[in-house]
Full PDB file with SEQRES, HELIX, SHEET, SSBOND, CRYST1, ORIGX, SCALE, CONECT and MASTER records, all heavy atoms in Angstrom:
SEQRES   1 A   37  ALA ILE PRO ALA ASP HIS GLN GLU LEU VAL TYR PHE ARG          
SEQRES   2 A   37  GLU ASN GLY PHE GLU ILE GLN LYS ARG ALA GLN VAL LEU          
SEQRES   3 A   37  GLY THR LEU THR ARG GLN HIS LYS GLY LEU CYS                  
HELIX    1 AA1 GLN A    7  GLU A   14  1                                   8    
HELIX    2 AA2 ARG A   22  GLN A   32  1                                  11    
CRYST1    1.000    1.000    1.000  90.00  90.00  90.00 P 1           1          
ORIGX1      1.000000  0.000000  0.000000        0.00000                         
ORIGX2      0.000000  1.000000  0.000000        0.00000                         
ORIGX3      0.000000  0.000000  1.000000        0.00000                         
SCALE1      1.000000  0.000000  0.000000        0.00000                         
SCALE2      0.000000  1.000000  0.000000        0.00000                         
SCALE3      0.000000  0.000000  1.000000        0.00000                         
ATOM      1  N   ALA A   1       0.823  -1.213   0.000  1.00  0.00           N  
ATOM      2  CA  ALA A   1       0.000   0.000   0.000  1.00  0.00           C  
ATOM      3  C   ALA A   1       0.865   1.274   0.000  1.00  0.00           C  
ATOM      4  O   ALA A   1       0.382   2.355  -0.330  1.00  0.00           O  
ATOM      5  CB  ALA A   1      -0.918   0.002   1.216  1.00  0.00           C  
ATOM      6  N   ILE A   2       2.143   1.142   0.353  1.00  0.00           N  
ATOM      7  CA  ILE A   2       3.062   2.281   0.359  1.00  0.00           C  
ATOM      8  C   ILE A   2       3.511   2.576  -1.073  1.00  0.00           C  
ATOM      9  O   ILE A   2       3.964   1.667  -1.780  1.00  0.00           O  
ATOM     10  CB  ILE A   2       4.293   1.966   1.241  1.00  0.00           C  
ATOM     11  CG1 ILE A   2       3.873   1.792   2.713  1.00  0.00           C  
ATOM     12  CG2 ILE A   2       5.358   3.047   1.105  1.00  0.00           C  
ATOM     13  CD1 ILE A   2       3.411   3.053   3.390  1.00  0.00           C  
ATOM     14  N   PRO A   3       3.408   3.824  -1.537  1.00  0.00           N  
ATOM     15  CA  PRO A   3       3.833   4.137  -2.908  1.00  0.00           C  
ATOM     16  C   PRO A   3       5.336   3.941  -3.099  1.00  0.00           C  
ATOM     17  O   PRO A   3       6.117   4.111  -2.161  1.00  0.00           O  
ATOM     18  CB  PRO A   3       3.434   5.612  -3.079  1.00  0.00           C  
ATOM     19  CG  PRO A   3       3.263   6.148  -1.695  1.00  0.00           C  
ATOM     20  CD  PRO A   3       2.842   4.999  -0.829  1.00  0.00           C  
ATOM     21  N   ALA A   4       5.720   3.600  -4.325  1.00  0.00           N  
ATOM     22  CA  ALA A   4       7.127   3.285  -4.621  1.00  0.00           C  
ATOM     23  C   ALA A   4       8.045   4.488  -4.403  1.00  0.00           C  
ATOM     24  O   ALA A   4       9.245   4.316  -4.158  1.00  0.00           O  
ATOM     25  CB  ALA A   4       7.249   2.787  -6.055  1.00  0.00           C  
ATOM     26  N   ASP A   5       7.493   5.721  -4.501  1.00  0.00           N  
ATOM     27  CA  ASP A   5       8.341   6.905  -4.330  1.00  0.00           C  
ATOM     28  C   ASP A   5       8.339   7.437  -2.896  1.00  0.00           C  
ATOM     29  O   ASP A   5       8.793   8.565  -2.647  1.00  0.00           O  
ATOM     30  CB  ASP A   5       7.894   8.006  -5.305  1.00  0.00           C  
ATOM     31  CG  ASP A   5       6.451   8.462  -5.074  1.00  0.00           C  
ATOM     32  OD1 ASP A   5       5.754   7.844  -4.235  1.00  0.00           O  
ATOM     33  OD2 ASP A   5       6.023   9.423  -5.744  1.00  0.00           O  
ATOM     34  N   HIS A   6       7.856   6.649  -1.951  1.00  0.00           N  
ATOM     35  CA  HIS A   6       7.885   7.053  -0.542  1.00  0.00           C  
ATOM     36  C   HIS A   6       9.340   7.330  -0.141  1.00  0.00           C  
ATOM     37  O   HIS A   6      10.233   6.508  -0.378  1.00  0.00           O  
ATOM     38  CB  HIS A   6       7.289   5.928   0.322  1.00  0.00           C  
ATOM     39  CG  HIS A   6       7.081   6.306   1.752  1.00  0.00           C  
ATOM     40  ND1 HIS A   6       8.097   6.302   2.672  1.00  0.00           N  
ATOM     41  CD2 HIS A   6       5.974   6.691   2.422  1.00  0.00           C  
ATOM     42  CE1 HIS A   6       7.625   6.658   3.854  1.00  0.00           C  
ATOM     43  NE2 HIS A   6       6.330   6.905   3.726  1.00  0.00           N  
ATOM     44  N   GLN A   7       9.591   8.502   0.459  1.00  0.00           N  
ATOM     45  CA  GLN A   7      10.964   8.944   0.744  1.00  0.00           C  
ATOM     46  C   GLN A   7      11.778   7.908   1.521  1.00  0.00           C  
ATOM     47  O   GLN A   7      12.942   7.651   1.213  1.00  0.00           O  
ATOM     48  CB  GLN A   7      10.937  10.244   1.559  1.00  0.00           C  
ATOM     49  CG  GLN A   7      10.447  11.457   0.812  1.00  0.00           C  
ATOM     50  CD  GLN A   7      10.395  12.686   1.711  1.00  0.00           C  
ATOM     51  OE1 GLN A   7      11.169  12.807   2.675  1.00  0.00           O  
ATOM     52  NE2 GLN A   7       9.479  13.598   1.419  1.00  0.00           N  
ATOM     53  N   GLU A   8      11.161   7.316   2.528  1.00  0.00           N  
ATOM     54  CA  GLU A   8      11.903   6.379   3.375  1.00  0.00           C  
ATOM     55  C   GLU A   8      12.189   5.078   2.633  1.00  0.00           C  
ATOM     56  O   GLU A   8      13.281   4.514   2.736  1.00  0.00           O  
ATOM     57  CB  GLU A   8      11.130   6.129   4.670  1.00  0.00           C  
ATOM     58  CG  GLU A   8      10.982   7.386   5.509  1.00  0.00           C  
ATOM     59  CD  GLU A   8      10.173   7.175   6.770  1.00  0.00           C  
ATOM     60  OE1 GLU A   8      10.046   6.016   7.222  1.00  0.00           O  
ATOM     61  OE2 GLU A   8       9.665   8.172   7.319  1.00  0.00           O  
ATOM     62  N   LEU A   9      11.212   4.610   1.858  1.00  0.00           N  
ATOM     63  CA  LEU A   9      11.412   3.391   1.076  1.00  0.00           C  
ATOM     64  C   LEU A   9      12.510   3.615   0.035  1.00  0.00           C  
ATOM     65  O   LEU A   9      13.365   2.736  -0.191  1.00  0.00           O  
ATOM     66  CB  LEU A   9      10.101   2.991   0.403  1.00  0.00           C  
ATOM     67  CG  LEU A   9       9.978   1.566  -0.143  1.00  0.00           C  
ATOM     68  CD1 LEU A   9      10.271   0.526   0.932  1.00  0.00           C  
ATOM     69  CD2 LEU A   9       8.590   1.327  -0.725  1.00  0.00           C  
ATOM     70  N   VAL A  10      12.517   4.798  -0.598  1.00  0.00           N  
ATOM     71  CA  VAL A  10      13.562   5.139  -1.568  1.00  0.00           C  
ATOM     72  C   VAL A  10      14.934   5.143  -0.890  1.00  0.00           C  
ATOM     73  O   VAL A  10      15.921   4.626  -1.439  1.00  0.00           O  
ATOM     74  CB  VAL A  10      13.272   6.517  -2.222  1.00  0.00           C  
ATOM     75  CG1 VAL A  10      14.470   6.996  -3.034  1.00  0.00           C  
ATOM     76  CG2 VAL A  10      12.034   6.428  -3.108  1.00  0.00           C  
ATOM     77  N   TYR A  11      15.002   5.709   0.311  1.00  0.00           N  
ATOM     78  CA  TYR A  11      16.268   5.742   1.064  1.00  0.00           C  
ATOM     79  C   TYR A  11      16.806   4.335   1.294  1.00  0.00           C  
ATOM     80  O   TYR A  11      17.993   4.055   1.037  1.00  0.00           O  
ATOM     81  CB  TYR A  11      16.058   6.459   2.407  1.00  0.00           C  
ATOM     82  CG  TYR A  11      17.197   6.253   3.387  1.00  0.00           C  
ATOM     83  CD1 TYR A  11      18.360   7.025   3.313  1.00  0.00           C  
ATOM     84  CD2 TYR A  11      17.112   5.268   4.382  1.00  0.00           C  
ATOM     85  CE1 TYR A  11      19.403   6.826   4.208  1.00  0.00           C  
ATOM     86  CE2 TYR A  11      18.154   5.069   5.271  1.00  0.00           C  
ATOM     87  CZ  TYR A  11      19.297   5.847   5.185  1.00  0.00           C  
ATOM     88  OH  TYR A  11      20.340   5.641   6.060  1.00  0.00           O  
ATOM     89  N   PHE A  12      15.959   3.449   1.760  1.00  0.00           N  
ATOM     90  CA  PHE A  12      16.406   2.080   2.039  1.00  0.00           C  
ATOM     91  C   PHE A  12      16.812   1.361   0.752  1.00  0.00           C  
ATOM     92  O   PHE A  12      17.804   0.636   0.719  1.00  0.00           O  
ATOM     93  CB  PHE A  12      15.301   1.296   2.759  1.00  0.00           C  
ATOM     94  CG  PHE A  12      15.079   1.714   4.181  1.00  0.00           C  
ATOM     95  CD1 PHE A  12      13.842   2.198   4.600  1.00  0.00           C  
ATOM     96  CD2 PHE A  12      16.105   1.612   5.110  1.00  0.00           C  
ATOM     97  CE1 PHE A  12      13.642   2.583   5.913  1.00  0.00           C  
ATOM     98  CE2 PHE A  12      15.908   1.997   6.446  1.00  0.00           C  
ATOM     99  CZ  PHE A  12      14.683   2.485   6.837  1.00  0.00           C  
ATOM    100  N   ARG A  13      16.043   1.601  -0.319  1.00  0.00           N  
ATOM    101  CA  ARG A  13      16.342   0.934  -1.584  1.00  0.00           C  
ATOM    102  C   ARG A  13      17.681   1.418  -2.148  1.00  0.00           C  
ATOM    103  O   ARG A  13      18.525   0.623  -2.575  1.00  0.00           O  
ATOM    104  CB  ARG A  13      15.203   1.205  -2.577  1.00  0.00           C  
ATOM    105  CG  ARG A  13      15.258   0.325  -3.821  1.00  0.00           C  
ATOM    106  CD  ARG A  13      14.115   0.633  -4.774  1.00  0.00           C  
ATOM    107  NE  ARG A  13      12.812   0.321  -4.201  1.00  0.00           N  
ATOM    108  CZ  ARG A  13      11.843   1.209  -3.987  1.00  0.00           C  
ATOM    109  NH1 ARG A  13      12.034   2.471  -4.293  1.00  0.00           N  
ATOM    110  NH2 ARG A  13      10.690   0.836  -3.472  1.00  0.00           N  
ATOM    111  N   GLU A  14      17.902   2.744  -2.122  1.00  0.00           N  
ATOM    112  CA  GLU A  14      19.127   3.312  -2.696  1.00  0.00           C  
ATOM    113  C   GLU A  14      20.368   2.974  -1.889  1.00  0.00           C  
ATOM    114  O   GLU A  14      21.490   2.995  -2.420  1.00  0.00           O  
ATOM    115  CB  GLU A  14      18.978   4.831  -2.827  1.00  0.00           C  
ATOM    116  CG  GLU A  14      17.984   5.244  -3.913  1.00  0.00           C  
ATOM    117  CD  GLU A  14      17.861   6.750  -4.051  1.00  0.00           C  
ATOM    118  OE1 GLU A  14      18.329   7.480  -3.127  1.00  0.00           O  
ATOM    119  OE2 GLU A  14      17.280   7.208  -5.059  1.00  0.00           O  
ATOM    120  N   ASN A  15      20.175   2.637  -0.611  1.00  0.00           N  
ATOM    121  CA  ASN A  15      21.332   2.334   0.236  1.00  0.00           C  
ATOM    122  C   ASN A  15      21.545   0.834   0.448  1.00  0.00           C  
ATOM    123  O   ASN A  15      22.313   0.432   1.330  1.00  0.00           O  
ATOM    124  CB  ASN A  15      21.195   3.056   1.585  1.00  0.00           C  
ATOM    125  CG  ASN A  15      21.477   4.547   1.461  1.00  0.00           C  
ATOM    126  OD1 ASN A  15      22.626   4.964   1.458  1.00  0.00           O  
ATOM    127  ND2 ASN A  15      20.419   5.340   1.333  1.00  0.00           N  
ATOM    128  N   GLY A  16      20.864   0.010  -0.341  1.00  0.00           N  
ATOM    129  CA  GLY A  16      21.171  -1.416  -0.368  1.00  0.00           C  
ATOM    130  C   GLY A  16      20.663  -2.233   0.802  1.00  0.00           C  
ATOM    131  O   GLY A  16      21.211  -3.302   1.102  1.00  0.00           O  
ATOM    132  N   PHE A  17      19.621  -1.759   1.484  1.00  0.00           N  
ATOM    133  CA  PHE A  17      19.045  -2.536   2.583  1.00  0.00           C  
ATOM    134  C   PHE A  17      18.279  -3.741   2.038  1.00  0.00           C  
ATOM    135  O   PHE A  17      17.793  -3.711   0.903  1.00  0.00           O  
ATOM    136  CB  PHE A  17      18.083  -1.666   3.402  1.00  0.00           C  
ATOM    137  CG  PHE A  17      18.760  -0.739   4.363  1.00  0.00           C  
ATOM    138  CD1 PHE A  17      19.422   0.404   3.910  1.00  0.00           C  
ATOM    139  CD2 PHE A  17      18.745  -0.996   5.727  1.00  0.00           C  
ATOM    140  CE1 PHE A  17      20.043   1.269   4.795  1.00  0.00           C  
ATOM    141  CE2 PHE A  17      19.370  -0.132   6.625  1.00  0.00           C  
ATOM    142  CZ  PHE A  17      20.019   0.998   6.157  1.00  0.00           C  
ATOM    143  N   GLU A  18      18.174  -4.778   2.866  1.00  0.00           N  
ATOM    144  CA  GLU A  18      17.299  -5.889   2.499  1.00  0.00           C  
ATOM    145  C   GLU A  18      15.859  -5.474   2.787  1.00  0.00           C  
ATOM    146  O   GLU A  18      15.512  -5.157   3.933  1.00  0.00           O  
ATOM    147  CB  GLU A  18      17.651  -7.156   3.261  1.00  0.00           C  
ATOM    148  CG  GLU A  18      16.719  -8.310   2.905  1.00  0.00           C  
ATOM    149  CD  GLU A  18      17.336  -9.682   3.103  1.00  0.00           C  
ATOM    150  OE1 GLU A  18      18.543  -9.771   3.311  1.00  0.00           O  
ATOM    151  OE2 GLU A  18      16.561 -10.647   3.065  1.00  0.00           O  
ATOM    152  N   ILE A  19      15.029  -5.487   1.750  1.00  0.00           N  
ATOM    153  CA  ILE A  19      13.647  -5.030   1.857  1.00  0.00           C  
ATOM    154  C   ILE A  19      12.734  -6.195   1.492  1.00  0.00           C  
ATOM    155  O   ILE A  19      12.900  -6.807   0.432  1.00  0.00           O  
ATOM    156  CB  ILE A  19      13.389  -3.839   0.917  1.00  0.00           C  
ATOM    157  CG1 ILE A  19      14.367  -2.690   1.227  1.00  0.00           C  
ATOM    158  CG2 ILE A  19      11.955  -3.349   1.031  1.00  0.00           C  
ATOM    159  CD1 ILE A  19      14.313  -1.550   0.232  1.00  0.00           C  
ATOM    160  N   GLN A  20      11.774  -6.496   2.361  1.00  0.00           N  
ATOM    161  CA  GLN A  20      10.890  -7.628   2.119  1.00  0.00           C  
ATOM    162  C   GLN A  20       9.432  -7.231   2.315  1.00  0.00           C  
ATOM    163  O   GLN A  20       9.107  -6.369   3.138  1.00  0.00           O  
ATOM    164  CB  GLN A  20      11.218  -8.799   3.063  1.00  0.00           C  
ATOM    165  CG  GLN A  20      12.581  -9.405   2.858  1.00  0.00           C  
ATOM    166  CD  GLN A  20      12.791 -10.661   3.689  1.00  0.00           C  
ATOM    167  OE1 GLN A  20      11.898 -11.119   4.408  1.00  0.00           O  
ATOM    168  NE2 GLN A  20      13.978 -11.243   3.592  1.00  0.00           N  
ATOM    169  N   LYS A  21       8.543  -7.889   1.546  1.00  0.00           N  
ATOM    170  CA  LYS A  21       7.110  -7.791   1.780  1.00  0.00           C  
ATOM    171  C   LYS A  21       6.730  -8.748   2.919  1.00  0.00           C  
ATOM    172  O   LYS A  21       7.502  -9.636   3.283  1.00  0.00           O  
ATOM    173  CB  LYS A  21       6.328  -8.153   0.517  1.00  0.00           C  
ATOM    174  CG  LYS A  21       6.458  -7.153  -0.603  1.00  0.00           C  
ATOM    175  CD  LYS A  21       5.445  -7.395  -1.716  1.00  0.00           C  
ATOM    176  CE  LYS A  21       5.775  -8.600  -2.545  1.00  0.00           C  
ATOM    177  NZ  LYS A  21       4.911  -8.689  -3.746  1.00  0.00           N  
ATOM    178  N   ARG A  22       5.517  -8.571   3.424  1.00  0.00           N  
ATOM    179  CA  ARG A  22       5.051  -9.405   4.536  1.00  0.00           C  
ATOM    180  C   ARG A  22       5.156 -10.895   4.202  1.00  0.00           C  
ATOM    181  O   ARG A  22       5.615 -11.696   5.030  1.00  0.00           O  
ATOM    182  CB  ARG A  22       3.601  -9.053   4.876  1.00  0.00           C  
ATOM    183  CG  ARG A  22       2.996  -9.895   5.985  1.00  0.00           C  
ATOM    184  CD  ARG A  22       1.597  -9.425   6.338  1.00  0.00           C  
ATOM    185  NE  ARG A  22       1.037 -10.235   7.405  1.00  0.00           N  
ATOM    186  CZ  ARG A  22       0.310 -11.328   7.214  1.00  0.00           C  
ATOM    187  NH1 ARG A  22       0.064 -11.746   5.982  1.00  0.00           N  
ATOM    188  NH2 ARG A  22      -0.166 -12.009   8.233  1.00  0.00           N  
ATOM    189  N   ALA A  23       4.764 -11.281   2.979  1.00  0.00           N  
ATOM    190  CA  ALA A  23       4.797 -12.696   2.604  1.00  0.00           C  
ATOM    191  C   ALA A  23       6.221 -13.248   2.626  1.00  0.00           C  
ATOM    192  O   ALA A  23       6.448 -14.400   3.000  1.00  0.00           O  
ATOM    193  CB  ALA A  23       4.181 -12.879   1.215  1.00  0.00           C  
ATOM    194  N   GLN A  24       7.193 -12.421   2.240  1.00  0.00           N  
ATOM    195  CA  GLN A  24       8.586 -12.864   2.273  1.00  0.00           C  
ATOM    196  C   GLN A  24       9.061 -13.082   3.705  1.00  0.00           C  
ATOM    197  O   GLN A  24       9.814 -14.016   3.972  1.00  0.00           O  
ATOM    198  CB  GLN A  24       9.480 -11.818   1.597  1.00  0.00           C  
ATOM    199  CG  GLN A  24       9.283 -11.694   0.103  1.00  0.00           C  
ATOM    200  CD  GLN A  24      10.065 -10.531  -0.462  1.00  0.00           C  
ATOM    201  OE1 GLN A  24       9.542  -9.428  -0.587  1.00  0.00           O  
ATOM    202  NE2 GLN A  24      11.313 -10.753  -0.804  1.00  0.00           N  
ATOM    203  N   VAL A  25       8.615 -12.215   4.609  1.00  0.00           N  
ATOM    204  CA  VAL A  25       9.011 -12.362   6.024  1.00  0.00           C  
ATOM    205  C   VAL A  25       8.447 -13.661   6.593  1.00  0.00           C  
ATOM    206  O   VAL A  25       9.141 -14.398   7.298  1.00  0.00           O  
ATOM    207  CB  VAL A  25       8.530 -11.158   6.852  1.00  0.00           C  
ATOM    208  CG1 VAL A  25       8.907 -11.342   8.328  1.00  0.00           C  
ATOM    209  CG2 VAL A  25       9.140  -9.870   6.313  1.00  0.00           C  
ATOM    210  N   LEU A  26       7.191 -13.949   6.269  1.00  0.00           N  
ATOM    211  CA  LEU A  26       6.602 -15.205   6.721  1.00  0.00           C  
ATOM    212  C   LEU A  26       7.399 -16.387   6.155  1.00  0.00           C  
ATOM    213  O   LEU A  26       7.586 -17.406   6.824  1.00  0.00           O  
ATOM    214  CB  LEU A  26       5.135 -15.294   6.306  1.00  0.00           C  
ATOM    215  CG  LEU A  26       4.186 -14.285   6.967  1.00  0.00           C  
ATOM    216  CD1 LEU A  26       2.774 -14.444   6.416  1.00  0.00           C  
ATOM    217  CD2 LEU A  26       4.182 -14.449   8.487  1.00  0.00           C  
ATOM    218  N   GLY A  27       7.868 -16.249   4.924  1.00  0.00           N  
ATOM    219  CA  GLY A  27       8.712 -17.283   4.338  1.00  0.00           C  
ATOM    220  C   GLY A  27       9.998 -17.464   5.108  1.00  0.00           C  
ATOM    221  O   GLY A  27      10.442 -18.599   5.366  1.00  0.00           O  
ATOM    222  N   THR A  28      10.608 -16.355   5.512  1.00  0.00           N  
ATOM    223  CA  THR A  28      11.822 -16.426   6.333  1.00  0.00           C  
ATOM    224  C   THR A  28      11.539 -17.168   7.638  1.00  0.00           C  
ATOM    225  O   THR A  28      12.331 -18.010   8.079  1.00  0.00           O  
ATOM    226  CB  THR A  28      12.343 -15.005   6.639  1.00  0.00           C  
ATOM    227  OG1 THR A  28      12.657 -14.350   5.409  1.00  0.00           O  
ATOM    228  CG2 THR A  28      13.588 -15.058   7.510  1.00  0.00           C  
ATOM    229  N   LEU A  29      10.386 -16.881   8.245  1.00  0.00           N  
ATOM    230  CA  LEU A  29      10.040 -17.551   9.507  1.00  0.00           C  
ATOM    231  C   LEU A  29       9.873 -19.055   9.308  1.00  0.00           C  
ATOM    232  O   LEU A  29      10.229 -19.840  10.187  1.00  0.00           O  
ATOM    233  CB  LEU A  29       8.755 -16.948  10.094  1.00  0.00           C  
ATOM    234  CG  LEU A  29       8.836 -15.483  10.529  1.00  0.00           C  
ATOM    235  CD1 LEU A  29       7.516 -15.036  11.134  1.00  0.00           C  
ATOM    236  CD2 LEU A  29       9.967 -15.270  11.524  1.00  0.00           C  
ATOM    237  N   THR A  30       9.342 -19.476   8.145  1.00  0.00           N  
ATOM    238  CA  THR A  30       9.177 -20.919   7.920  1.00  0.00           C  
ATOM    239  C   THR A  30      10.517 -21.609   7.686  1.00  0.00           C  
ATOM    240  O   THR A  30      10.617 -22.824   7.855  1.00  0.00           O  
ATOM    241  CB  THR A  30       8.247 -21.214   6.713  1.00  0.00           C  
ATOM    242  OG1 THR A  30       8.802 -20.659   5.509  1.00  0.00           O  
ATOM    243  CG2 THR A  30       6.854 -20.672   6.929  1.00  0.00           C  
ATOM    244  N   ARG A  31      11.531 -20.849   7.324  1.00  0.00           N  
ATOM    245  CA  ARG A  31      12.864 -21.462   7.159  1.00  0.00           C  
ATOM    246  C   ARG A  31      13.624 -21.500   8.476  1.00  0.00           C  
ATOM    247  O   ARG A  31      14.529 -22.320   8.651  1.00  0.00           O  
ATOM    248  CB  ARG A  31      13.661 -20.702   6.094  1.00  0.00           C  
ATOM    249  CG  ARG A  31      13.149 -20.966   4.676  1.00  0.00           C  
ATOM    250  CD  ARG A  31      13.989 -20.283   3.615  1.00  0.00           C  
ATOM    251  NE  ARG A  31      13.757 -18.842   3.578  1.00  0.00           N  
ATOM    252  CZ  ARG A  31      12.745 -18.261   2.949  1.00  0.00           C  
ATOM    253  NH1 ARG A  31      11.839 -19.005   2.315  1.00  0.00           N  
ATOM    254  NH2 ARG A  31      12.606 -16.957   2.942  1.00  0.00           N  
ATOM    255  N   GLN A  32      13.263 -20.594   9.407  1.00  0.00           N  
ATOM    256  CA  GLN A  32      13.950 -20.550  10.696  1.00  0.00           C  
ATOM    257  C   GLN A  32      13.230 -21.374  11.766  1.00  0.00           C  
ATOM    258  O   GLN A  32      13.827 -21.737  12.770  1.00  0.00           O  
ATOM    259  CB  GLN A  32      14.055 -19.094  11.177  1.00  0.00           C  
ATOM    260  CG  GLN A  32      14.715 -18.164  10.169  1.00  0.00           C  
ATOM    261  CD  GLN A  32      16.164 -18.495   9.911  1.00  0.00           C  
ATOM    262  OE1 GLN A  32      16.881 -18.875  10.826  1.00  0.00           O  
ATOM    263  NE2 GLN A  32      16.611 -18.375   8.673  1.00  0.00           N  
ATOM    264  N   HIS A  33      11.940 -21.629  11.549  1.00  0.00           N  
ATOM    265  CA  HIS A  33      11.133 -22.439  12.462  1.00  0.00           C  
ATOM    266  C   HIS A  33      10.568 -23.636  11.688  1.00  0.00           C  
ATOM    267  O   HIS A  33      10.833 -23.792  10.504  1.00  0.00           O  
ATOM    268  CB  HIS A  33       9.965 -21.617  13.027  1.00  0.00           C  
ATOM    269  CG  HIS A  33      10.382 -20.447  13.860  1.00  0.00           C  
ATOM    270  ND1 HIS A  33      10.750 -20.569  15.179  1.00  0.00           N  
ATOM    271  CD2 HIS A  33      10.462 -19.125  13.565  1.00  0.00           C  
ATOM    272  CE1 HIS A  33      11.048 -19.364  15.670  1.00  0.00           C  
ATOM    273  NE2 HIS A  33      10.883 -18.475  14.705  1.00  0.00           N  
ATOM    274  N   LYS A  34       9.786 -24.443  12.370  1.00  0.00           N  
ATOM    275  CA  LYS A  34       9.044 -25.502  11.685  1.00  0.00           C  
ATOM    276  C   LYS A  34       7.668 -24.941  11.318  1.00  0.00           C  
ATOM    277  O   LYS A  34       6.810 -24.764  12.178  1.00  0.00           O  
ATOM    278  CB  LYS A  34       8.905 -26.736  12.584  1.00  0.00           C  
ATOM    279  CG  LYS A  34      10.229 -27.473  12.804  1.00  0.00           C  
ATOM    280  CD  LYS A  34      10.042 -28.704  13.668  1.00  0.00           C  
ATOM    281  CE  LYS A  34      11.358 -29.469  13.803  1.00  0.00           C  
ATOM    282  NZ  LYS A  34      11.218 -30.654  14.678  1.00  0.00           N  
ATOM    283  N   GLY A  35       7.505 -24.644  10.041  1.00  0.00           N  
ATOM    284  CA  GLY A  35       6.277 -24.007   9.581  1.00  0.00           C  
ATOM    285  C   GLY A  35       5.156 -25.008   9.377  1.00  0.00           C  
ATOM    286  O   GLY A  35       5.293 -25.957   8.605  1.00  0.00           O  
ATOM    287  N   LEU A  36       4.049 -24.812  10.073  1.00  0.00           N  
ATOM    288  CA  LEU A  36       2.829 -25.601   9.886  1.00  0.00           C  
ATOM    289  C   LEU A  36       1.857 -24.708   9.132  1.00  0.00           C  
ATOM    290  O   LEU A  36       1.270 -23.786   9.702  1.00  0.00           O  
ATOM    291  CB  LEU A  36       2.243 -26.031  11.236  1.00  0.00           C  
ATOM    292  CG  LEU A  36       3.198 -26.764  12.193  1.00  0.00           C  
ATOM    293  CD1 LEU A  36       2.468 -27.134  13.484  1.00  0.00           C  
ATOM    294  CD2 LEU A  36       3.802 -27.993  11.540  1.00  0.00           C  
ATOM    295  N   CYS A  37       1.710 -24.952   7.836  1.00  0.00           N  
ATOM    296  CA  CYS A  37       0.996 -24.031   6.961  1.00  0.00           C  
ATOM    297  C   CYS A  37      -0.319 -24.642   6.476  1.00  0.00           C  
ATOM    298  O   CYS A  37      -0.413 -25.858   6.313  1.00  0.00           O  
ATOM    299  CB  CYS A  37       1.868 -23.663   5.769  1.00  0.00           C  
ATOM    300  SG  CYS A  37       3.477 -22.952   6.248  1.00  0.00           S  
TER     301      CYS A  37                                                      
MASTER        0    0    0    2    0    0    0    6  300    1    0    3          
END                                                                             
């Protein structure tokens, strides 16, 4: 829902931060825990 030109999102993108959507974070949790989906 956040626009692509949001100042803070642009800052993180231009400075090489790891940026994830909610679904990607849940994916990370299933790799670090035992995911019952």
